[in-house]
Amino acid sequence: MFEQNVADGANLFVIIVAVIIGFVSALGYLDHRKTTKNQSKED
């Protein structure tokens, strides 16, 4: 039904990149929560 235009290694590469992007965005979100929590305590 679907023809694969790229090799299997490219699919693995895309999955790894997506996981890394998700991990970095999660770390950024947690850092943002911690920063806003600390700023609200100082006020």
Protein backbone atom coordinates (compact mmCIF):
# COMPACT_ATOMS: atom_id res chain seq x y z
CA MET A 1 0.00 0.00 0.00
CA PHE A 2 2.70 2.49 1.03
CA GLU A 3 6.12 2.47 -0.57
CA GLN A 4 9.01 3.35 1.69
CA ASN A 5 11.17 6.00 0.04
CA VAL A 6 13.87 6.09 2.71
CA ALA A 7 15.90 3.39 4.40
CA ASP A 8 15.10 1.90 7.80
CA GLY A 9 17.93 3.85 9.41
CA ALA A 10 16.22 7.13 8.55
CA ASN A 11 13.11 6.10 10.48
CA LEU A 12 15.24 5.28 13.51
CA PHE A 13 16.99 8.64 13.18
CA VAL A 14 13.65 10.49 13.12
CA ILE A 15 12.45 8.61 16.21
CA ILE A 16 15.68 9.41 18.09
CA VAL A 17 15.44 13.10 17.15
CA ALA A 18 11.79 13.23 18.26
CA VAL A 19 12.66 11.66 21.64
CA ILE A 20 15.52 14.11 22.16
CA ILE A 21 13.28 17.08 21.31
CA GLY A 22 10.64 15.81 23.74
CA PHE A 23 13.22 15.35 26.49
CA VAL A 24 14.66 18.84 26.02
CA SER A 25 11.20 20.42 26.01
CA ALA A 26 10.29 18.55 29.20
CA LEU A 27 13.46 19.82 30.89
CA GLY A 28 12.63 23.35 29.77
CA TYR A 29 9.11 23.05 31.14
CA LEU A 30 10.34 21.79 34.51
CA ASP A 31 12.93 24.58 34.68
CA HIS A 32 10.23 27.12 33.88
CA ARG A 33 7.99 25.75 36.66
CA LYS A 34 10.86 25.82 39.17
CA THR A 35 11.80 29.37 38.19
CA THR A 36 8.26 30.73 38.48
CA LYS A 37 7.83 28.95 41.84
CA ASN A 38 11.02 30.53 43.19
CA GLN A 39 10.01 34.00 41.94
CA SER A 40 6.60 33.76 43.57
CA LYS A 41 8.23 32.90 46.94
CA GLU A 42 10.46 35.98 46.73
CA ASP A 43 7.52 38.37 46.20
